[in-house]
């Protein structure tokens, strides 16, 4: 069985914070965010809601995509707007 890797974005209840990460077990990772298993960003900002994810065959490709999403101010776009654009494109493609 081939391993799969996920790039994901989670947010808080107010949708005011976005967190992007990579994992090979999305269910376990989201559980960790919701239950604040690891101290840090998730606990501080209460990011508990999965709003977006992509699936990859290799960890290298997943990390490249995560970096692309986290790129920040490329082309003059703020990081928050970049992440929201990724989510919006995915939602519009699924409609």
PDB file of N, CA and C in Angstrom:
ATOM      1  N   UNK A   1       0.840  -1.187   0.000  1.00  0.00           N
ATOM      2  CA  UNK A   1       0.000   0.000   0.000  1.00  0.00           C
ATOM      3  C   UNK A   1       0.886   1.252   0.000  1.00  0.00           C
ATOM      4  N   UNK A   2       0.590   2.183  -0.891  1.00  0.00           N
ATOM      5  CA  UNK A   2       1.364   3.412  -0.999  1.00  0.00           C
ATOM      6  C   UNK A   2       0.966   4.395   0.084  1.00  0.00           C
ATOM      7  N   UNK A   3       1.964   5.113   0.579  1.00  0.00           N
ATOM      8  CA  UNK A   3       1.696   6.157   1.563  1.00  0.00           C
ATOM      9  C   UNK A   3       1.128   7.369   0.848  1.00  0.00           C
ATOM     10  N   UNK A   4       0.261   8.083   1.544  1.00  0.00           N
ATOM     11  CA  UNK A   4      -0.236   9.347   1.038  1.00  0.00           C
ATOM     12  C   UNK A   4       0.090  10.425   2.059  1.00  0.00           C
ATOM     13  N   UNK A   5       0.213  11.637   1.566  1.00  0.00           N
ATOM     14  CA  UNK A   5       0.544  12.790   2.392  1.00  0.00           C
ATOM     15  C   UNK A   5      -0.464  13.888   2.115  1.00  0.00           C
ATOM     16  N   UNK A   6      -0.741  14.668   3.118  1.00  0.00           N
ATOM     17  CA  UNK A   6      -1.753  15.707   3.016  1.00  0.00           C
ATOM     18  C   UNK A   6      -1.152  17.065   3.344  1.00  0.00           C
ATOM     19  N   UNK A   7      -1.531  18.062   2.567  1.00  0.00           N
ATOM     20  CA  UNK A   7      -1.317  19.455   2.928  1.00  0.00           C
ATOM     21  C   UNK A   7      -2.696  19.937   3.334  1.00  0.00           C
ATOM     22  N   UNK A   8      -2.783  20.579   4.483  1.00  0.00           N
ATOM     23  CA  UNK A   8      -4.103  20.950   4.995  1.00  0.00           C
ATOM     24  C   UNK A   8      -4.087  22.352   5.575  1.00  0.00           C
ATOM     25  N   UNK A   9      -5.267  22.948   5.648  1.00  0.00           N
ATOM     26  CA  UNK A   9      -5.435  24.260   6.283  1.00  0.00           C
ATOM     27  C   UNK A   9      -6.554  24.130   7.302  1.00  0.00           C
ATOM     28  N   UNK A  10      -6.276  24.577   8.515  1.00  0.00           N
ATOM     29  CA  UNK A  10      -7.279  24.610   9.577  1.00  0.00           C
ATOM     30  C   UNK A  10      -7.453  26.051  10.038  1.00  0.00           C
ATOM     31  N   UNK A  11      -8.602  26.321  10.644  1.00  0.00           N
ATOM     32  CA  UNK A  11      -8.899  27.668  11.122  1.00  0.00           C
ATOM     33  C   UNK A  11      -9.564  27.586  12.496  1.00  0.00           C
ATOM     34  N   UNK A  12      -9.802  28.756  13.070  1.00  0.00           N
ATOM     35  CA  UNK A  12     -10.499  28.812  14.354  1.00  0.00           C
ATOM     36  C   UNK A  12     -11.988  29.071  14.123  1.00  0.00           C
ATOM     37  N   UNK A  13     -12.761  29.157  15.196  1.00  0.00           N
ATOM     38  CA  UNK A  13     -14.213  29.338  15.061  1.00  0.00           C
ATOM     39  C   UNK A  13     -14.589  30.620  14.341  1.00  0.00           C
ATOM     40  N   UNK A  14     -13.804  31.680  14.539  1.00  0.00           N
ATOM     41  CA  UNK A  14     -14.105  32.976  13.917  1.00  0.00           C
ATOM     42  C   UNK A  14     -13.519  33.104  12.516  1.00  0.00           C
ATOM     43  N   UNK A  15     -12.803  32.102  12.068  1.00  0.00           N
ATOM     44  CA  UNK A  15     -12.133  32.124  10.755  1.00  0.00           C
ATOM     45  C   UNK A  15     -11.160  33.288  10.632  1.00  0.00           C
ATOM     46  N   UNK A  16     -10.545  33.677  11.747  1.00  0.00           N
ATOM     47  CA  UNK A  16      -9.615  34.805  11.729  1.00  0.00           C
ATOM     48  C   UNK A  16      -8.154  34.373  11.660  1.00  0.00           C
ATOM     49  N   UNK A  17      -7.882  33.077  11.825  1.00  0.00           N
ATOM     50  CA  UNK A  17      -6.522  32.544  11.783  1.00  0.00           C
ATOM     51  C   UNK A  17      -6.522  31.307  10.888  1.00  0.00           C
ATOM     52  N   UNK A  18      -5.489  31.187  10.054  1.00  0.00           N
ATOM     53  CA  UNK A  18      -5.323  30.001   9.218  1.00  0.00           C
ATOM     54  C   UNK A  18      -3.971  29.370   9.512  1.00  0.00           C
ATOM     55  N   UNK A  19      -3.950  28.047   9.621  1.00  0.00           N
ATOM     56  CA  UNK A  19      -2.723  27.292   9.844  1.00  0.00           C
ATOM     57  C   UNK A  19      -2.589  26.270   8.725  1.00  0.00           C
ATOM     58  N   UNK A  20      -1.412  26.207   8.114  1.00  0.00           N
ATOM     59  CA  UNK A  20      -1.138  25.246   7.049  1.00  0.00           C
ATOM     60  C   UNK A  20      -0.110  24.235   7.537  1.00  0.00           C
ATOM     61  N   UNK A  21      -0.353  22.955   7.258  1.00  0.00           N
ATOM     62  CA  UNK A  21       0.573  21.920   7.689  1.00  0.00           C
ATOM     63  C   UNK A  21       0.608  20.755   6.723  1.00  0.00           C
ATOM     64  N   UNK A  22       1.528  19.812   6.996  1.00  0.00           N
ATOM     65  CA  UNK A  22       1.686  18.587   6.211  1.00  0.00           C
ATOM     66  C   UNK A  22       1.622  17.415   7.174  1.00  0.00           C
ATOM     67  N   UNK A  23       0.971  16.333   6.764  1.00  0.00           N
ATOM     68  CA  UNK A  23       0.884  15.135   7.590  1.00  0.00           C
ATOM     69  C   UNK A  23       0.676  13.910   6.712  1.00  0.00           C
ATOM     70  N   UNK A  24       0.934  12.728   7.284  1.00  0.00           N
ATOM     71  CA  UNK A  24       0.610  11.502   6.560  1.00  0.00           C
ATOM     72  C   UNK A  24      -0.615  10.821   7.175  1.00  0.00           C
ATOM     73  N   UNK A  25      -1.209  11.452   8.190  1.00  0.00           N
ATOM     74  CA  UNK A  25      -2.425  10.929   8.825  1.00  0.00           C
ATOM     75  C   UNK A  25      -3.320  12.115   9.179  1.00  0.00           C
ATOM     76  N   UNK A  26      -4.165  12.496   8.243  1.00  0.00           N
ATOM     77  CA  UNK A  26      -4.984  13.696   8.412  1.00  0.00           C
ATOM     78  C   UNK A  26      -5.950  13.579   9.585  1.00  0.00           C
ATOM     79  N   UNK A  27      -6.576  12.435   9.743  1.00  0.00           N
ATOM     80  CA  UNK A  27      -7.524  12.245  10.841  1.00  0.00           C
ATOM     81  C   UNK A  27      -6.845  12.452  12.189  1.00  0.00           C
ATOM     82  N   UNK A  28      -5.702  11.825  12.363  1.00  0.00           N
ATOM     83  CA  UNK A  28      -4.964  11.948  13.630  1.00  0.00           C
ATOM     84  C   UNK A  28      -4.500  13.384  13.858  1.00  0.00           C
ATOM     85  N   UNK A  29      -4.050  14.031  12.803  1.00  0.00           N
ATOM     86  CA  UNK A  29      -3.543  15.407  12.933  1.00  0.00           C
ATOM     87  C   UNK A  29      -4.654  16.369  13.306  1.00  0.00           C
ATOM     88  N   UNK A  30      -5.824  16.237  12.688  1.00  0.00           N
ATOM     89  CA  UNK A  30      -6.953  17.122  13.017  1.00  0.00           C
ATOM     90  C   UNK A  30      -7.408  16.848  14.452  1.00  0.00           C
ATOM     91  N   UNK A  31      -7.424  15.590  14.847  1.00  0.00           N
ATOM     92  CA  UNK A  31      -7.733  15.245  16.235  1.00  0.00           C
ATOM     93  C   UNK A  31      -6.761  15.965  17.176  1.00  0.00           C
ATOM     94  N   UNK A  32      -5.493  15.965  16.808  1.00  0.00           N
ATOM     95  CA  UNK A  32      -4.479  16.640  17.612  1.00  0.00           C
ATOM     96  C   UNK A  32      -4.726  18.130  17.729  1.00  0.00           C
ATOM     97  N   UNK A  33      -5.133  18.760  16.625  1.00  0.00           N
ATOM     98  CA  UNK A  33      -5.456  20.195  16.668  1.00  0.00           C
ATOM     99  C   UNK A  33      -6.664  20.435  17.580  1.00  0.00           C
ATOM    100  N   UNK A  34      -7.711  19.671  17.374  1.00  0.00           N
ATOM    101  CA  UNK A  34      -8.945  19.874  18.152  1.00  0.00           C
ATOM    102  C   UNK A  34      -8.751  19.646  19.641  1.00  0.00           C
ATOM    103  N   UNK A  35      -7.891  18.703  19.996  1.00  0.00           N
ATOM    104  CA  UNK A  35      -7.685  18.352  21.401  1.00  0.00           C
ATOM    105  C   UNK A  35      -6.400  18.945  21.975  1.00  0.00           C
ATOM    106  N   UNK A  36      -5.773  19.833  21.210  1.00  0.00           N
ATOM    107  CA  UNK A  36      -4.572  20.539  21.643  1.00  0.00           C
ATOM    108  C   UNK A  36      -3.521  19.603  22.226  1.00  0.00           C
ATOM    109  N   UNK A  37      -3.280  18.512  21.503  1.00  0.00           N
ATOM    110  CA  UNK A  37      -2.337  17.486  21.926  1.00  0.00           C
ATOM    111  C   UNK A  37      -0.914  18.050  22.016  1.00  0.00           C
ATOM    112  N   UNK A  38      -0.543  18.898  21.067  1.00  0.00           N
ATOM    113  CA  UNK A  38       0.790  19.501  21.049  1.00  0.00           C
ATOM    114  C   UNK A  38       0.661  20.978  21.404  1.00  0.00           C
ATOM    115  N   UNK A  39       1.433  21.407  22.357  1.00  0.00           N
ATOM    116  CA  UNK A  39       1.406  22.825  22.737  1.00  0.00           C
ATOM    117  C   UNK A  39       2.001  23.639  21.604  1.00  0.00           C
ATOM    118  N   UNK A  40       1.465  24.824  21.406  1.00  0.00           N
ATOM    119  CA  UNK A  40       1.995  25.689  20.363  1.00  0.00           C
ATOM    120  C   UNK A  40       0.894  26.464  19.672  1.00  0.00           C
ATOM    121  N   UNK A  41       1.039  26.616  18.368  1.00  0.00           N
ATOM    122  CA  UNK A  41       0.136  27.439  17.572  1.00  0.00           C
ATOM    123  C   UNK A  41      -1.317  27.009  17.725  1.00  0.00           C
ATOM    124  N   UNK A  42      -1.570  25.706  17.591  1.00  0.00           N
ATOM    125  CA  UNK A  42      -2.945  25.194  17.661  1.00  0.00           C
ATOM    126  C   UNK A  42      -3.612  25.541  18.980  1.00  0.00           C
ATOM    127  N   UNK A  43      -2.866  25.359  20.050  1.00  0.00           N
ATOM    128  CA  UNK A  43      -3.409  25.648  21.371  1.00  0.00           C
ATOM    129  C   UNK A  43      -3.633  27.155  21.547  1.00  0.00           C
ATOM    130  N   UNK A  44      -2.663  27.939  21.138  1.00  0.00           N
ATOM    131  CA  UNK A  44      -2.738  29.397  21.313  1.00  0.00           C
ATOM    132  C   UNK A  44      -3.880  30.022  20.522  1.00  0.00           C
ATOM    133  N   UNK A  45      -4.048  29.584  19.275  1.00  0.00           N
ATOM    134  CA  UNK A  45      -5.037  30.211  18.394  1.00  0.00           C
ATOM    135  C   UNK A  45      -6.303  29.381  18.202  1.00  0.00           C
ATOM    136  N   UNK A  46      -6.383  28.238  18.852  1.00  0.00           N
ATOM    137  CA  UNK A  46      -7.581  27.398  18.845  1.00  0.00           C
ATOM    138  C   UNK A  46      -8.026  27.022  17.428  1.00  0.00           C
ATOM    139  N   UNK A  47      -7.074  26.593  16.589  1.00  0.00           N
ATOM    140  CA  UNK A  47      -7.415  26.175  15.229  1.00  0.00           C
ATOM    141  C   UNK A  47      -7.946  24.743  15.279  1.00  0.00           C
ATOM    142  N   UNK A  48      -9.229  24.596  14.989  1.00  0.00           N
ATOM    143  CA  UNK A  48      -9.909  23.311  15.188  1.00  0.00           C
ATOM    144  C   UNK A  48     -10.718  22.840  13.991  1.00  0.00           C
ATOM    145  N   UNK A  49     -10.877  23.675  12.987  1.00  0.00           N
ATOM    146  CA  UNK A  49     -11.772  23.345  11.878  1.00  0.00           C
ATOM    147  C   UNK A  49     -10.988  23.170  10.576  1.00  0.00           C
ATOM    148  N   UNK A  50     -11.070  21.987   9.992  1.00  0.00           N
ATOM    149  CA  UNK A  50     -10.430  21.723   8.702  1.00  0.00           C
ATOM    150  C   UNK A  50     -11.228  22.424   7.610  1.00  0.00           C
ATOM    151  N   UNK A  51     -10.552  23.268   6.828  1.00  0.00           N
ATOM    152  CA  UNK A  51     -11.243  23.978   5.752  1.00  0.00           C
ATOM    153  C   UNK A  51     -10.735  23.605   4.367  1.00  0.00           C
ATOM    154  N   UNK A  52      -9.599  22.889   4.312  1.00  0.00           N
ATOM    155  CA  UNK A  52      -9.025  22.580   3.002  1.00  0.00           C
ATOM    156  C   UNK A  52      -7.955  21.503   3.147  1.00  0.00           C
ATOM    157  N   UNK A  53      -7.847  20.631   2.141  1.00  0.00           N
ATOM    158  CA  UNK A  53      -6.725  19.697   2.090  1.00  0.00           C
ATOM    159  C   UNK A  53      -6.493  19.223   0.666  1.00  0.00           C
ATOM    160  N   UNK A  54      -5.250  18.794   0.406  1.00  0.00           N
ATOM    161  CA  UNK A  54      -4.851  18.191  -0.860  1.00  0.00           C
ATOM    162  C   UNK A  54      -4.106  16.906  -0.538  1.00  0.00           C
ATOM    163  N   UNK A  55      -4.138  15.948  -1.440  1.00  0.00           N
ATOM    164  CA  UNK A  55      -3.486  14.647  -1.250  1.00  0.00           C
ATOM    165  C   UNK A  55      -2.318  14.510  -2.228  1.00  0.00           C
ATOM    166  N   UNK A  56      -1.193  13.960  -1.718  1.00  0.00           N
ATOM    167  CA  UNK A  56       0.013  13.788  -2.536  1.00  0.00           C
ATOM    168  C   UNK A  56       0.591  12.394  -2.345  1.00  0.00           C
ATOM    169  N   UNK A  57       1.316  11.918  -3.362  1.00  0.00           N
ATOM    170  CA  UNK A  57       1.962  10.607  -3.314  1.00  0.00           C
ATOM    171  C   UNK A  57       3.330  10.642  -2.644  1.00  0.00           C
ATOM    172  N   UNK A  58       3.950  11.818  -2.595  1.00  0.00           N
ATOM    173  CA  UNK A  58       5.293  11.906  -2.006  1.00  0.00           C
ATOM    174  C   UNK A  58       5.363  13.050  -1.003  1.00  0.00           C
ATOM    175  N   UNK A  59       6.177  12.860   0.016  1.00  0.00           N
ATOM    176  CA  UNK A  59       6.357  13.893   1.032  1.00  0.00           C
ATOM    177  C   UNK A  59       7.023  15.127   0.432  1.00  0.00           C
ATOM    178  N   UNK A  60       7.929  14.917  -0.528  1.00  0.00           N
ATOM    179  CA  UNK A  60       8.618  16.045  -1.155  1.00  0.00           C
ATOM    180  C   UNK A  60       7.635  16.965  -1.876  1.00  0.00           C
ATOM    181  N   UNK A  61       6.708  16.372  -2.615  1.00  0.00           N
ATOM    182  CA  UNK A  61       5.705  17.164  -3.335  1.00  0.00           C
ATOM    183  C   UNK A  61       4.778  17.875  -2.357  1.00  0.00           C
ATOM    184  N   UNK A  62       4.403  17.190  -1.292  1.00  0.00           N
ATOM    185  CA  UNK A  62       3.534  17.789  -0.285  1.00  0.00           C
ATOM    186  C   UNK A  62       4.214  18.982   0.380  1.00  0.00           C
ATOM    187  N   UNK A  63       5.479  18.840   0.711  1.00  0.00           N
ATOM    188  CA  UNK A  63       6.210  19.943   1.345  1.00  0.00           C
ATOM    189  C   UNK A  63       6.366  21.114   0.384  1.00  0.00           C
ATOM    190  N   UNK A  64       6.619  20.820  -0.887  1.00  0.00           N
ATOM    191  CA  UNK A  64       6.702  21.900  -1.883  1.00  0.00           C
ATOM    192  C   UNK A  64       5.393  22.665  -1.952  1.00  0.00           C
ATOM    193  N   UNK A  65       4.268  21.948  -1.933  1.00  0.00           N
ATOM    194  CA  UNK A  65       2.960  22.602  -1.996  1.00  0.00           C
ATOM    195  C   UNK A  65       2.695  23.412  -0.736  1.00  0.00           C
ATOM    196  N   UNK A  66       3.067  22.861   0.424  1.00  0.00           N
ATOM    197  CA  UNK A  66       2.893  23.600   1.671  1.00  0.00           C
ATOM    198  C   UNK A  66       3.671  24.914   1.615  1.00  0.00           C
ATOM    199  N   UNK A  67       4.900  24.865   1.149  1.00  0.00           N
ATOM    200  CA  UNK A  67       5.727  26.069   1.037  1.00  0.00           C
ATOM    201  C   UNK A  67       5.120  27.071   0.066  1.00  0.00           C
ATOM    202  N   UNK A  68       4.547  26.549  -1.001  1.00  0.00           N
ATOM    203  CA  UNK A  68       3.892  27.411  -1.984  1.00  0.00           C
ATOM    204  C   UNK A  68       2.723  28.161  -1.336  1.00  0.00           C
ATOM    205  N   UNK A  69       1.920  27.446  -0.562  1.00  0.00           N
ATOM    206  CA  UNK A  69       0.774  28.072   0.117  1.00  0.00           C
ATOM    207  C   UNK A  69       1.252  29.072   1.160  1.00  0.00           C
ATOM    208  N   UNK A  70       2.314  28.716   1.872  1.00  0.00           N
ATOM    209  CA  UNK A  70       2.840  29.577   2.931  1.00  0.00           C
ATOM    210  C   UNK A  70       3.705  30.720   2.404  1.00  0.00           C
ATOM    211  N   UNK A  71       3.863  30.816   1.104  1.00  0.00           N
ATOM    212  CA  UNK A  71       4.829  31.732   0.493  1.00  0.00           C
ATOM    213  C   UNK A  71       4.698  33.175   0.971  1.00  0.00           C
ATOM    214  N   UNK A  72       3.548  33.566   1.424  1.00  0.00           N
ATOM    215  CA  UNK A  72       3.429  34.905   1.983  1.00  0.00           C
ATOM    216  C   UNK A  72       3.194  35.964   0.940  1.00  0.00           C
ATOM    217  N   UNK A  73       4.107  36.882   0.874  1.00  0.00           N
ATOM    218  CA  UNK A  73       3.894  38.093   0.092  1.00  0.00           C
ATOM    219  C   UNK A  73       4.324  37.991  -1.375  1.00  0.00           C
ATOM    220  N   UNK A  74       4.302  36.801  -1.940  1.00  0.00           N
ATOM    221  CA  UNK A  74       4.672  36.722  -3.352  1.00  0.00           C
ATOM    222  C   UNK A  74       3.643  37.489  -4.180  1.00  0.00           C
ATOM    223  N   UNK A  75       4.103  38.157  -5.149  1.00  0.00           N
ATOM    224  CA  UNK A  75       3.260  38.963  -6.026  1.00  0.00           C
ATOM    225  C   UNK A  75       2.453  39.999  -5.253  1.00  0.00           C
ATOM    226  N   UNK A  76       2.980  40.454  -4.118  1.00  0.00           N
ATOM    227  CA  UNK A  76       2.315  41.503  -3.357  1.00  0.00           C
ATOM    228  C   UNK A  76       1.070  41.059  -2.617  1.00  0.00           C
ATOM    229  N   UNK A  77       0.854  39.751  -2.483  1.00  0.00           N
ATOM    230  CA  UNK A  77      -0.343  39.241  -1.811  1.00  0.00           C
ATOM    231  C   UNK A  77       0.027  38.854  -0.390  1.00  0.00           C
ATOM    232  N   UNK A  78      -0.745  39.310   0.572  1.00  0.00           N
ATOM    233  CA  UNK A  78      -0.498  38.945   1.965  1.00  0.00           C
ATOM    234  C   UNK A  78      -0.764  37.460   2.153  1.00  0.00           C
ATOM    235  N   UNK A  79      -0.066  36.855   3.117  1.00  0.00           N
ATOM    236  CA  UNK A  79      -0.146  35.412   3.376  1.00  0.00           C
ATOM    237  C   UNK A  79      -1.591  34.971   3.605  1.00  0.00           C
ATOM    238  N   UNK A  80      -2.348  35.688   4.423  1.00  0.00           N
ATOM    239  CA  UNK A  80      -3.732  35.318   4.734  1.00  0.00           C
ATOM    240  C   UNK A  80      -4.562  35.285   3.447  1.00  0.00           C
ATOM    241  N   UNK A  81      -4.351  36.266   2.578  1.00  0.00           N
ATOM    242  CA  UNK A  81      -5.107  36.310   1.325  1.00  0.00           C
ATOM    243  C   UNK A  81      -4.710  35.165   0.406  1.00  0.00           C
ATOM    244  N   UNK A  82      -3.442  34.788   0.405  1.00  0.00           N
ATOM    245  CA  UNK A  82      -2.979  33.672  -0.416  1.00  0.00           C
ATOM    246  C   UNK A  82      -3.686  32.388   0.002  1.00  0.00           C
ATOM    247  N   UNK A  83      -3.731  32.110   1.304  1.00  0.00           N
ATOM    248  CA  UNK A  83      -4.384  30.902   1.803  1.00  0.00           C
ATOM    249  C   UNK A  83      -5.876  30.933   1.497  1.00  0.00           C
ATOM    250  N   UNK A  84      -6.508  32.081   1.671  1.00  0.00           N
ATOM    251  CA  UNK A  84      -7.942  32.187   1.382  1.00  0.00           C
ATOM    252  C   UNK A  84      -8.216  31.968  -0.105  1.00  0.00           C
ATOM    253  N   UNK A  85      -7.305  32.422  -0.955  1.00  0.00           N
ATOM    254  CA  UNK A  85      -7.468  32.216  -2.393  1.00  0.00           C
ATOM    255  C   UNK A  85      -7.388  30.742  -2.743  1.00  0.00           C
ATOM    256  N   UNK A  86      -6.482  30.010  -2.098  1.00  0.00           N
ATOM    257  CA  UNK A  86      -6.365  28.566  -2.334  1.00  0.00           C
ATOM    258  C   UNK A  86      -7.670  27.879  -1.956  1.00  0.00           C
ATOM    259  N   UNK A  87      -8.209  28.233  -0.806  1.00  0.00           N
ATOM    260  CA  UNK A  87      -9.465  27.635  -0.336  1.00  0.00           C
ATOM    261  C   UNK A  87     -10.605  27.994  -1.283  1.00  0.00           C
ATOM    262  N   UNK A  88     -10.690  29.248  -1.684  1.00  0.00           N
ATOM    263  CA  UNK A  88     -11.766  29.701  -2.566  1.00  0.00           C
ATOM    264  C   UNK A  88     -11.714  29.000  -3.918  1.00  0.00           C
ATOM    265  N   UNK A  89     -10.500  28.821  -4.479  1.00  0.00           N
ATOM    266  CA  UNK A  89     -10.373  28.127  -5.772  1.00  0.00           C
ATOM    267  C   UNK A  89     -10.869  26.696  -5.660  1.00  0.00           C
ATOM    268  N   UNK A  90     -10.536  26.011  -4.567  1.00  0.00           N
ATOM    269  CA  UNK A  90     -10.960  24.624  -4.358  1.00  0.00           C
ATOM    270  C   UNK A  90     -12.480  24.543  -4.252  1.00  0.00           C
ATOM    271  N   UNK A  91     -13.069  25.480  -3.525  1.00  0.00           N
ATOM    272  CA  UNK A  91     -14.535  25.471  -3.354  1.00  0.00           C
ATOM    273  C   UNK A  91     -15.214  25.736  -4.685  1.00  0.00           C
ATOM    274  N   UNK A  92     -14.692  26.694  -5.474  1.00  0.00           N
ATOM    275  CA  UNK A  92     -15.336  27.003  -6.745  1.00  0.00           C
ATOM    276  C   UNK A  92     -15.208  25.847  -7.737  1.00  0.00           C
ATOM    277  N   UNK A  93     -14.122  25.071  -7.660  1.00  0.00           N
ATOM    278  CA  UNK A  93     -13.952  23.921  -8.557  1.00  0.00           C
ATOM    279  C   UNK A  93     -14.902  22.778  -8.203  1.00  0.00           C
ATOM    280  N   UNK A  94     -15.279  22.691  -6.933  1.00  0.00           N
ATOM    281  CA  UNK A  94     -16.140  21.576  -6.499  1.00  0.00           C
ATOM    282  C   UNK A  94     -17.623  21.873  -6.712  1.00  0.00           C
ATOM    283  N   UNK A  95     -17.949  23.105  -7.064  1.00  0.00           N
ATOM    284  CA  UNK A  95     -19.372  23.459  -7.268  1.00  0.00           C
ATOM    285  C   UNK A  95     -19.828  23.162  -8.677  1.00  0.00           C
TER     286      UNK A  95
END
